Amino acid sequence: QVQLVESGGGLVQAGGSLRLSCAASGRTFRNYAMGWFRQAPGKEREFVAAISSSGSTDYADSVKGRFTISRTNAKNTVFLQMNSLKPEDTAVYYCARGAMGAMTEQYDYWGQGTQVTVSS
């Protein structure tokens, strides 16, 4: 059973930064892509960023140039560095393990989520 635990969320002013972390259990972390998604109240869960097992990355247009996804296989951890945050970035952020892509169906394990709130 794979467990994903996010941390690093919180309240920040517009223009500020946060760094989310996601720690994964299991010995096969390095073999899978990891993704970050977010869900705002009343909205569907949406893709934010993904990183392949080899380190290739992909981003949603809305966060490109502001967010950076990275991973440390030695520590089974994936990160999301979020800079120049905007109020519209407010959401619960989830990490997920699966195949590289932007669709929720491509991921089979999900964390419990961490709240990010950006005040104006």
C-alpha atoms as a PDB file:
ATOM      1  CA  GLN A   1       0.000   0.000   0.000  1.00  0.00           C
ATOM      2  CA  VAL A   2       1.382   3.392  -1.014  1.00  0.00           C
ATOM      3  CA  GLN A   3       0.851   6.369   1.242  1.00  0.00           C
ATOM      4  CA  LEU A   4       1.366   9.986   0.199  1.00  0.00           C
ATOM      5  CA  VAL A   5       1.540  12.718   2.826  1.00  0.00           C
ATOM      6  CA  GLU A   6       1.545  16.390   1.827  1.00  0.00           C
ATOM      7  CA  SER A   7       2.826  19.236   3.962  1.00  0.00           C
ATOM      8  CA  GLY A   8       3.772  22.886   3.636  1.00  0.00           C
ATOM      9  CA  GLY A   9       0.423  24.510   2.980  1.00  0.00           C
ATOM     10  CA  GLY A  10      -0.726  27.618   4.783  1.00  0.00           C
ATOM     11  CA  LEU A  11      -1.847  31.219   4.529  1.00  0.00           C
ATOM     12  CA  VAL A  12       0.260  33.647   2.493  1.00  0.00           C
ATOM     13  CA  GLN A  13      -0.234  37.094   1.017  1.00  0.00           C
ATOM     14  CA  ALA A  14      -0.451  37.628  -2.710  1.00  0.00           C
ATOM     15  CA  GLY A  15       3.020  37.728  -4.217  1.00  0.00           C
ATOM     16  CA  GLY A  16       4.420  35.426  -1.575  1.00  0.00           C
ATOM     17  CA  SER A  17       5.842  31.913  -1.796  1.00  0.00           C
ATOM     18  CA  LEU A  18       5.186  28.480  -0.363  1.00  0.00           C
ATOM     19  CA  ARG A  19       6.923  25.151  -0.802  1.00  0.00           C
ATOM     20  CA  LEU A  20       4.798  22.023  -0.671  1.00  0.00           C
ATOM     21  CA  SER A  21       6.277  18.607   0.051  1.00  0.00           C
ATOM     22  CA  CYS A  22       4.868  15.145  -0.530  1.00  0.00           C
ATOM     23  CA  ALA A  23       6.482  12.161   1.155  1.00  0.00           C
ATOM     24  CA  ALA A  24       5.754   8.757  -0.333  1.00  0.00           C
ATOM     25  CA  SER A  25       6.057   5.323   1.236  1.00  0.00           C
ATOM     26  CA  GLY A  26       7.292   2.304  -0.671  1.00  0.00           C
ATOM     27  CA  ARG A  27      10.438   1.289  -2.487  1.00  0.00           C
ATOM     28  CA  THR A  28       9.277   1.977  -6.044  1.00  0.00           C
ATOM     29  CA  PHE A  29       8.923   5.763  -5.833  1.00  0.00           C
ATOM     30  CA  ARG A  30      11.624   6.333  -8.437  1.00  0.00           C
ATOM     31  CA  ASN A  31       9.742   4.273 -11.042  1.00  0.00           C
ATOM     32  CA  TYR A  32       6.654   6.485 -11.184  1.00  0.00           C
ATOM     33  CA  ALA A  33       5.655   9.938 -12.276  1.00  0.00           C
ATOM     34  CA  MET A  34       4.363  12.260  -9.585  1.00  0.00           C
ATOM     35  CA  GLY A  35       1.801  14.988 -10.015  1.00  0.00           C
ATOM     36  CA  TRP A  36       0.308  17.917  -8.156  1.00  0.00           C
ATOM     37  CA  PHE A  37      -3.353  18.800  -8.548  1.00  0.00           C
ATOM     38  CA  ARG A  38      -5.555  21.343  -6.803  1.00  0.00           C
ATOM     39  CA  GLN A  39      -9.219  21.763  -6.042  1.00  0.00           C
ATOM     40  CA  ALA A  40     -10.915  25.016  -5.124  1.00  0.00           C
ATOM     41  CA  PRO A  41     -14.360  25.097  -3.470  1.00  0.00           C
ATOM     42  CA  GLY A  42     -17.093  24.342  -5.982  1.00  0.00           C
ATOM     43  CA  LYS A  43     -14.623  23.483  -8.730  1.00  0.00           C
ATOM     44  CA  GLU A  44     -13.268  20.296 -10.219  1.00  0.00           C
ATOM     45  CA  ARG A  45      -9.817  19.024  -9.363  1.00  0.00           C
ATOM     46  CA  GLU A  46      -7.319  20.433 -11.852  1.00  0.00           C
ATOM     47  CA  PHE A  47      -3.813  19.628 -12.957  1.00  0.00           C
ATOM     48  CA  VAL A  48      -0.985  21.808 -11.687  1.00  0.00           C
ATOM     49  CA  ALA A  49       2.310  20.077 -12.478  1.00  0.00           C
ATOM     50  CA  ALA A  50       3.885  16.682 -13.040  1.00  0.00           C
ATOM     51  CA  ILE A  51       7.357  15.189 -13.074  1.00  0.00           C
ATOM     52  CA  SER A  52       8.306  11.938 -14.732  1.00  0.00           C
ATOM     53  CA  SER A  53      10.536   9.227 -13.282  1.00  0.00           C
ATOM     54  CA  SER A  54      13.379  10.643 -15.379  1.00  0.00           C
ATOM     55  CA  GLY A  55      12.778  14.241 -14.321  1.00  0.00           C
ATOM     56  CA  SER A  56      10.835  15.654 -17.257  1.00  0.00           C
ATOM     57  CA  THR A  57       8.277  18.223 -16.163  1.00  0.00           C
ATOM     58  CA  ASP A  58       4.952  19.603 -17.332  1.00  0.00           C
ATOM     59  CA  TYR A  59       2.903  22.509 -16.022  1.00  0.00           C
ATOM     60  CA  ALA A  60      -0.552  23.959 -16.359  1.00  0.00           C
ATOM     61  CA  ASP A  61      -0.488  27.230 -18.285  1.00  0.00           C
ATOM     62  CA  SER A  62      -1.855  29.052 -15.238  1.00  0.00           C
ATOM     63  CA  VAL A  63       1.242  28.270 -13.141  1.00  0.00           C
ATOM     64  CA  LYS A  64       3.966  28.147 -15.776  1.00  0.00           C
ATOM     65  CA  GLY A  65       6.857  30.408 -14.805  1.00  0.00           C
ATOM     66  CA  ARG A  66       5.676  30.673 -11.190  1.00  0.00           C
ATOM     67  CA  PHE A  67       5.662  27.078  -9.915  1.00  0.00           C
ATOM     68  CA  THR A  68       8.456  24.501 -10.029  1.00  0.00           C
ATOM     69  CA  ILE A  69       8.071  20.781  -9.434  1.00  0.00           C
ATOM     70  CA  SER A  70      11.046  18.669  -8.371  1.00  0.00           C
ATOM     71  CA  ARG A  71      11.756  15.321  -6.771  1.00  0.00           C
ATOM     72  CA  THR A  72      14.344  13.656  -4.577  1.00  0.00           C
ATOM     73  CA  ASN A  73      14.229   9.909  -5.169  1.00  0.00           C
ATOM     74  CA  ALA A  74      16.653   9.188  -2.314  1.00  0.00           C
ATOM     75  CA  LYS A  75      14.059  10.607   0.091  1.00  0.00           C
ATOM     76  CA  ASN A  76      10.890   9.517  -1.761  1.00  0.00           C
ATOM     77  CA  THR A  77       9.772  13.140  -1.849  1.00  0.00           C
ATOM     78  CA  VAL A  78       8.307  15.454  -4.458  1.00  0.00           C
ATOM     79  CA  PHE A  79       8.169  19.223  -4.037  1.00  0.00           C
ATOM     80  CA  LEU A  80       6.157  22.086  -5.459  1.00  0.00           C
ATOM     81  CA  GLN A  81       7.802  25.488  -5.124  1.00  0.00           C
ATOM     82  CA  MET A  82       5.147  28.152  -5.587  1.00  0.00           C
ATOM     83  CA  ASN A  83       6.223  31.748  -6.178  1.00  0.00           C
ATOM     84  CA  SER A  84       4.307  34.928  -7.035  1.00  0.00           C
ATOM     85  CA  LEU A  85       1.167  33.420  -5.560  1.00  0.00           C
ATOM     86  CA  LYS A  86      -2.206  34.848  -6.527  1.00  0.00           C
ATOM     87  CA  PRO A  87      -5.573  34.667  -4.756  1.00  0.00           C
ATOM     88  CA  GLU A  88      -6.783  32.369  -7.546  1.00  0.00           C
ATOM     89  CA  ASP A  89      -4.162  29.819  -6.452  1.00  0.00           C
ATOM     90  CA  THR A  90      -6.196  29.232  -3.289  1.00  0.00           C
ATOM     91  CA  ALA A  91      -7.169  25.557  -3.157  1.00  0.00           C
ATOM     92  CA  VAL A  92      -6.486  22.228  -1.531  1.00  0.00           C
ATOM     93  CA  TYR A  93      -3.355  20.833  -3.167  1.00  0.00           C
ATOM     94  CA  TYR A  94      -2.978  17.089  -3.685  1.00  0.00           C
ATOM     95  CA  CYS A  95      -0.005  15.031  -4.735  1.00  0.00           C
ATOM     96  CA  ALA A  96      -0.504  11.831  -6.679  1.00  0.00           C
ATOM     97  CA  ARG A  97       1.493   8.907  -8.044  1.00  0.00           C
ATOM     98  CA  GLY A  98       0.963   7.419 -11.451  1.00  0.00           C
ATOM     99  CA  ALA A  99       1.712   7.873 -15.129  1.00  0.00           C
ATOM    100  CA  MET A 100       2.931  11.168 -16.543  1.00  0.00           C
ATOM    101  CA  GLY A 101      -0.009  13.294 -17.559  1.00  0.00           C
ATOM    102  CA  ALA A 102      -2.554  15.946 -16.716  1.00  0.00           C
ATOM    103  CA  MET A 103      -5.608  13.771 -16.118  1.00  0.00           C
ATOM    104  CA  THR A 104      -6.667  12.533 -12.697  1.00  0.00           C
ATOM    105  CA  GLU A 105      -7.394   9.105 -14.215  1.00  0.00           C
ATOM    106  CA  GLN A 106      -3.680   8.660 -14.885  1.00  0.00           C
ATOM    107  CA  TYR A 107      -2.870   8.577 -11.158  1.00  0.00           C
ATOM    108  CA  ASP A 108      -3.691   5.713  -8.813  1.00  0.00           C
ATOM    109  CA  TYR A 109      -2.597   6.942  -5.379  1.00  0.00           C
ATOM    110  CA  TRP A 110      -3.473  10.279  -3.807  1.00  0.00           C
ATOM    111  CA  GLY A 111      -2.537  12.164  -0.679  1.00  0.00           C
ATOM    112  CA  GLN A 112      -5.015  13.717   1.717  1.00  0.00           C
ATOM    113  CA  GLY A 113      -4.327  17.264   0.530  1.00  0.00           C
ATOM    114  CA  THR A 114      -2.936  20.435   2.071  1.00  0.00           C
ATOM    115  CA  GLN A 115      -4.728  23.792   2.118  1.00  0.00           C
ATOM    116  CA  VAL A 116      -3.142  26.793   0.422  1.00  0.00           C
ATOM    117  CA  THR A 117      -4.821  30.144   0.983  1.00  0.00           C
ATOM    118  CA  VAL A 118      -3.590  33.310  -0.739  1.00  0.00           C
ATOM    119  CA  SER A 119      -4.955  36.573   0.587  1.00  0.00           C
ATOM    120  CA  SER A 120      -5.226  39.693  -1.547  1.00  0.00           C
END
